[in-house]
Amino acid sequence: MLNLQGKVAVIFGLANKRSIAWGIAQKLHEAGATLAISYQNERMKSEAHQLIVDLPGAVPFQCDVSNDAEIDSVFGQIKEKFGKVDILIHSVAYAPAEDLKGDFVNTSRDGFRIAHDVSVYSLIALSRAAAPLMPEGSSIVTLSYFGAEKVVPGYNIMGVAKASLEATTRYLAYDLGRKQIRVNAISAGPIKTLAGRGVGSMSDMLKAHADRAPLHRNTDQLEVGGTAAFLASDLASGITGEVIYVDSGYSIMGF
């Protein structure tokens, strides 16, 4: 079993019990990490707090990752309470619903901007805020999807944003490597999260995944959590700038 005792993990992106962030939080807690868990806004506060209370010692924070002042405030609180950040989890994605329907060519300028700001730039902003608190050997993990490299009908602007996210992972890995901070992405199979439900073709994606993947099933959020815990641990000390697939093998298939 992985041992993350003494490590402080900050997790962004908890919405509800279906969130990938929740699967990751459970696995990091199981491995002994001290958790700071962020939810987006007041509307999500109640459900987030109900979950967080099930992880003794976890501390909740509210943060809209598109707001730099809120990011600075949260990391100020984290510095005061914990003094360091060993693990940063970025499990955040959003695009306007209307830009996840119809033809990709009709993507709005505003939808393109919002998808990249919330889903991609937030990783840069959070990494920049966390890095001064991160000792050597720290780990940053973000969440991607196969639509970053292949066309998934209906995934539309999120596919382009995920491609940008994976490139951002590599550039951050280069920048932060001199501080011995590792940055990796997990490309998870489709999971019916709150963000995922906004994708019009989610049901088709889940069926295709289960039908074609070598393991003939969908991906569980705890499987993603286990991989995140591994990437956060010293067992992954030589891995950075990579995209790790946790998708029941779907990505290896030609058709």
Protein backbone atom coordinates (compact mmCIF):
# COMPACT_ATOMS: atom_id res chain seq x y z
CA MET A 1 0.00 0.00 0.00
CA LEU A 2 1.22 3.50 -0.81
CA ASN A 3 2.37 5.61 2.10
CA LEU A 4 1.70 9.36 1.86
CA GLN A 5 1.96 10.02 5.59
CA GLY A 6 3.20 13.55 6.24
CA LYS A 7 2.21 14.75 2.77
CA VAL A 8 -0.21 17.65 2.27
CA ALA A 9 -2.47 17.29 -0.76
CA VAL A 10 -4.59 20.11 -2.16
CA ILE A 11 -7.44 18.97 -4.40
CA PHE A 12 -9.39 21.26 -6.72
CA GLY A 13 -12.60 20.21 -8.44
CA LEU A 14 -14.86 18.50 -5.90
CA ALA A 15 -18.52 18.84 -6.93
CA ASN A 16 -20.27 15.70 -5.68
CA LYS A 17 -19.73 12.00 -4.98
CA ARG A 18 -19.39 11.28 -8.71
CA SER A 19 -16.46 13.68 -9.08
CA ILE A 20 -13.12 12.22 -10.10
CA ALA A 21 -11.74 14.55 -7.44
CA TRP A 22 -13.72 12.58 -4.85
CA GLY A 23 -12.20 9.28 -6.00
CA ILE A 24 -8.74 10.84 -5.78
CA ALA A 25 -9.46 12.32 -2.34
CA GLN A 26 -10.49 8.91 -1.01
CA LYS A 27 -7.34 7.22 -2.28
CA LEU A 28 -5.00 9.96 -1.01
CA HIS A 29 -6.72 9.85 2.38
CA GLU A 30 -6.41 6.05 2.44
CA ALA A 31 -2.66 6.45 1.81
CA GLY A 32 -2.33 8.81 4.79
CA ALA A 33 -2.13 12.24 3.13
CA THR A 34 -3.50 15.33 4.87
CA LEU A 35 -6.12 16.85 2.59
CA ALA A 36 -7.25 20.36 1.71
CA ILE A 37 -10.23 20.05 -0.66
CA SER A 38 -11.65 22.90 -2.72
CA TYR A 39 -15.13 23.33 -4.18
CA GLN A 40 -16.14 26.06 -6.60
CA ASN A 41 -18.81 28.20 -4.97
CA GLU A 42 -21.47 28.62 -2.30
CA ARG A 43 -23.96 26.57 -4.31
CA MET A 44 -21.69 23.51 -4.08
CA LYS A 45 -20.70 24.07 -0.45
CA SER A 46 -23.32 21.91 1.27
CA GLU A 47 -22.76 18.75 -0.76
CA ALA A 48 -18.98 19.18 -0.70
CA HIS A 49 -18.93 19.58 3.08
CA GLN A 50 -21.10 16.47 3.52
CA LEU A 51 -18.49 14.45 1.61
CA ILE A 52 -15.41 16.03 3.16
CA VAL A 53 -16.60 15.27 6.70
CA ASP A 54 -16.24 11.57 5.83
CA LEU A 55 -12.47 12.06 5.50
CA PRO A 56 -11.26 12.87 9.04
CA GLY A 57 -8.77 15.71 9.09
CA ALA A 58 -9.66 17.02 5.62
CA VAL A 59 -10.12 20.78 5.43
CA PRO A 60 -12.59 22.40 2.98
CA PHE A 61 -11.87 25.54 0.97
CA GLN A 62 -13.99 27.49 -1.48
CA CYS A 63 -12.25 28.66 -4.65
CA ASP A 64 -13.33 29.69 -8.13
CA VAL A 65 -10.22 28.81 -10.16
CA SER A 66 -11.05 31.48 -12.75
CA ASN A 67 -10.52 34.13 -10.07
CA ASP A 68 -6.86 34.91 -9.28
CA ALA A 69 -7.74 36.70 -6.04
CA GLU A 70 -9.54 33.60 -4.75
CA ILE A 71 -6.59 31.40 -5.73
CA ASP A 72 -4.18 33.70 -3.86
CA SER A 73 -6.49 33.72 -0.83
CA VAL A 74 -6.78 29.93 -0.69
CA PHE A 75 -3.03 29.36 -0.93
CA GLY A 76 -2.49 32.01 1.71
CA GLN A 77 -4.78 30.03 4.01
CA ILE A 78 -3.06 26.78 3.09
CA LYS A 79 0.37 28.26 3.80
CA GLU A 80 -0.81 29.49 7.18
CA LYS A 81 -2.42 26.18 8.14
CA PHE A 82 -0.06 23.59 6.62
CA GLY A 83 3.12 25.46 5.64
CA LYS A 84 3.61 23.41 2.48
CA VAL A 85 1.96 21.60 -0.44
CA ASP A 86 3.35 18.22 -1.51
CA ILE A 87 0.56 17.24 -3.91
CA LEU A 88 -1.64 19.40 -6.14
CA ILE A 89 -4.62 17.79 -7.88
CA HIS A 90 -6.28 19.73 -10.72
CA SER A 91 -9.60 18.06 -11.56
CA VAL A 92 -11.36 21.00 -13.18
CA ALA A 93 -13.09 21.28 -16.56
CA TYR A 94 -15.90 23.40 -17.95
CA ALA A 95 -17.30 24.61 -21.25
CA PRO A 96 -20.65 26.31 -21.90
CA ALA A 97 -23.35 23.71 -22.61
CA GLU A 98 -24.27 25.24 -25.96
CA ASP A 99 -20.71 24.69 -27.20
CA LEU A 100 -20.94 20.97 -26.40
CA LYS A 101 -23.86 20.51 -28.79
CA GLY A 102 -24.10 20.55 -32.55
CA ASP A 103 -21.14 21.05 -34.87
CA PHE A 104 -17.69 21.99 -33.59
CA VAL A 105 -17.35 24.56 -36.37
CA ASN A 106 -20.05 26.60 -34.63
CA THR A 107 -18.04 26.95 -31.40
CA SER A 108 -18.50 30.48 -30.09
CA ARG A 109 -15.54 32.76 -29.46
CA ASP A 110 -16.66 33.18 -25.85
CA GLY A 111 -17.12 29.42 -25.42
CA PHE A 112 -13.59 28.80 -26.70
CA ARG A 113 -12.19 31.35 -24.27
CA ILE A 114 -14.14 30.07 -21.26
CA ALA A 115 -13.24 26.42 -21.91
CA HIS A 116 -9.54 27.24 -22.04
CA ASP A 117 -9.60 29.65 -19.13
CA VAL A 118 -11.36 27.31 -16.70
CA SER A 119 -10.05 23.96 -17.96
CA VAL A 120 -6.46 24.87 -18.88
CA TYR A 121 -5.25 28.22 -17.63
CA SER A 122 -6.40 27.28 -14.14
CA LEU A 123 -3.71 24.58 -14.05
CA ILE A 124 -1.07 27.23 -14.77
CA ALA A 125 -2.50 29.61 -12.17
CA LEU A 126 -2.77 26.92 -9.49
CA SER A 127 0.72 25.58 -10.21
CA ARG A 128 2.19 29.08 -10.00
CA ALA A 129 0.48 29.66 -6.63
CA ALA A 130 1.44 26.24 -5.26
CA ALA A 131 5.06 26.04 -6.46
CA PRO A 132 6.57 28.33 -3.76
CA LEU A 133 5.06 26.02 -1.13
CA MET A 134 6.19 22.79 -2.79
CA PRO A 135 9.35 21.01 -1.56
CA GLU A 136 11.52 18.89 -3.84
CA GLY A 137 9.76 15.70 -4.88
CA SER A 138 6.31 17.28 -4.99
CA SER A 139 3.72 16.25 -7.58
CA ILE A 140 1.07 18.00 -9.67
CA VAL A 141 -1.59 15.87 -11.37
CA THR A 142 -4.29 17.00 -13.81
CA LEU A 143 -7.12 15.12 -15.55
CA SER A 144 -7.44 14.71 -19.30
CA TYR A 145 -9.44 12.53 -21.72
CA PHE A 146 -8.85 10.67 -25.02
CA GLY A 147 -10.74 13.43 -26.86
CA ALA A 148 -7.52 15.43 -26.57
CA GLU A 149 -5.90 13.39 -29.34
CA LYS A 150 -8.75 11.76 -31.29
CA VAL A 151 -12.09 13.14 -32.40
CA VAL A 152 -14.92 12.16 -30.05
CA PRO A 153 -18.15 13.40 -31.67
CA GLY A 154 -19.99 15.72 -29.30
CA TYR A 155 -16.96 16.41 -27.11
CA ASN A 156 -16.25 19.43 -29.29
CA ILE A 157 -14.42 22.32 -27.62
CA MET A 158 -13.52 20.22 -24.58
CA GLY A 159 -11.39 18.01 -26.82
CA VAL A 160 -9.41 21.03 -27.98
CA ALA A 161 -9.13 22.28 -24.39
CA LYS A 162 -7.87 18.88 -23.22
CA ALA A 163 -5.23 18.90 -26.00
CA SER A 164 -4.11 22.28 -24.69
CA LEU A 165 -4.12 20.89 -21.16
CA GLU A 166 -1.81 18.02 -22.14
CA ALA A 167 0.60 20.44 -23.84
CA THR A 168 0.45 22.65 -20.75
CA THR A 169 1.36 19.61 -18.63
CA ARG A 170 4.54 19.14 -20.63
CA TYR A 171 5.55 22.81 -20.51
CA LEU A 172 4.92 22.99 -16.76
CA ALA A 173 6.91 19.77 -16.28
CA TYR A 174 9.84 21.44 -18.05
CA ASP A 175 9.56 24.68 -16.07
CA LEU A 176 9.07 23.10 -12.65
CA GLY A 177 11.47 20.21 -13.17
CA ARG A 178 14.39 22.40 -12.08
CA LYS A 179 12.63 22.57 -8.68
CA GLN A 180 12.16 18.78 -8.72
CA ILE A 181 8.39 19.21 -9.00
CA ARG A 182 6.75 16.63 -11.26
CA VAL A 183 3.70 17.38 -13.45
CA ASN A 184 1.62 14.64 -15.06
CA ALA A 185 -1.82 14.08 -16.54
CA ILE A 186 -4.19 11.14 -16.20
CA SER A 187 -6.31 10.44 -19.25
CA ALA A 188 -9.34 8.78 -17.71
CA GLY A 189 -12.04 6.87 -19.51
CA PRO A 190 -15.46 8.56 -19.63
CA ILE A 191 -17.07 8.87 -16.21
CA LYS A 192 -20.51 10.36 -15.59
CA THR A 193 -19.32 13.34 -13.54
CA LEU A 194 -21.18 16.64 -13.19
CA ALA A 195 -19.03 18.11 -15.99
CA GLY A 196 -19.36 14.93 -18.04
CA ARG A 197 -23.14 15.08 -17.97
CA GLY A 198 -22.91 18.30 -19.95
CA VAL A 199 -21.48 16.37 -22.91
CA GLY A 200 -24.42 15.47 -25.14
CA SER A 201 -22.88 12.18 -26.31
CA MET A 202 -21.90 10.89 -22.86
CA SER A 203 -24.18 7.83 -23.04
CA ASP A 204 -22.72 6.89 -26.42
CA MET A 205 -19.20 7.44 -25.11
CA LEU A 206 -19.80 5.15 -22.13
CA LYS A 207 -21.29 2.40 -24.31
CA ALA A 208 -18.52 2.58 -26.90
CA HIS A 209 -15.90 2.51 -24.16
CA ALA A 210 -17.35 -0.59 -22.48
CA ASP A 211 -17.88 -2.37 -25.82
CA ARG A 212 -14.42 -1.73 -27.29
CA ALA A 213 -12.01 -1.51 -24.36
CA PRO A 214 -9.94 -4.66 -23.76
CA LEU A 215 -11.37 -4.92 -20.24
CA HIS A 216 -14.91 -4.50 -21.64
CA ARG A 217 -16.06 -2.13 -18.94
CA ASN A 218 -16.08 1.52 -18.01
CA THR A 219 -13.55 3.21 -15.77
CA ASP A 220 -14.17 3.65 -12.06
CA GLN A 221 -13.27 6.93 -10.34
CA LEU A 222 -11.36 5.02 -7.63
CA GLU A 223 -9.12 3.52 -10.32
CA VAL A 224 -8.23 7.05 -11.37
CA GLY A 225 -7.72 7.89 -7.70
CA GLY A 226 -5.29 5.01 -7.29
CA THR A 227 -3.21 6.19 -10.23
CA ALA A 228 -3.18 9.74 -8.87
CA ALA A 229 -1.95 8.41 -5.52
CA PHE A 230 0.84 6.52 -7.32
CA LEU A 231 1.87 9.63 -9.28
CA ALA A 232 1.88 11.60 -6.03
CA SER A 233 4.16 9.08 -4.35
CA ASP A 234 7.91 8.55 -4.41
CA LEU A 235 7.30 5.40 -6.49
CA ALA A 236 6.72 7.76 -9.46
CA SER A 237 9.76 9.93 -8.74
CA GLY A 238 11.11 9.52 -12.29
CA ILE A 239 7.85 10.27 -14.11
CA THR A 240 7.03 13.78 -15.32
CA GLY A 241 5.39 15.39 -18.35
CA GLU A 242 3.49 12.20 -19.12
CA VAL A 243 -0.12 11.35 -19.91
CA ILE A 244 -1.05 8.11 -18.11
CA TYR A 245 -4.12 6.29 -19.48
CA VAL A 246 -6.62 4.85 -17.02
CA ASP A 247 -9.31 3.80 -19.48
CA SER A 248 -9.57 -0.01 -19.37
CA GLY A 249 -7.25 -0.03 -22.39
CA TYR A 250 -9.60 1.80 -24.76
CA SER A 251 -6.84 4.07 -26.09
CA ILE A 252 -4.83 1.16 -27.54
CA MET A 253 -7.62 0.10 -29.89
CA GLY A 254 -7.70 0.98 -33.61
CA PHE A 255 -11.44 0.32 -33.89
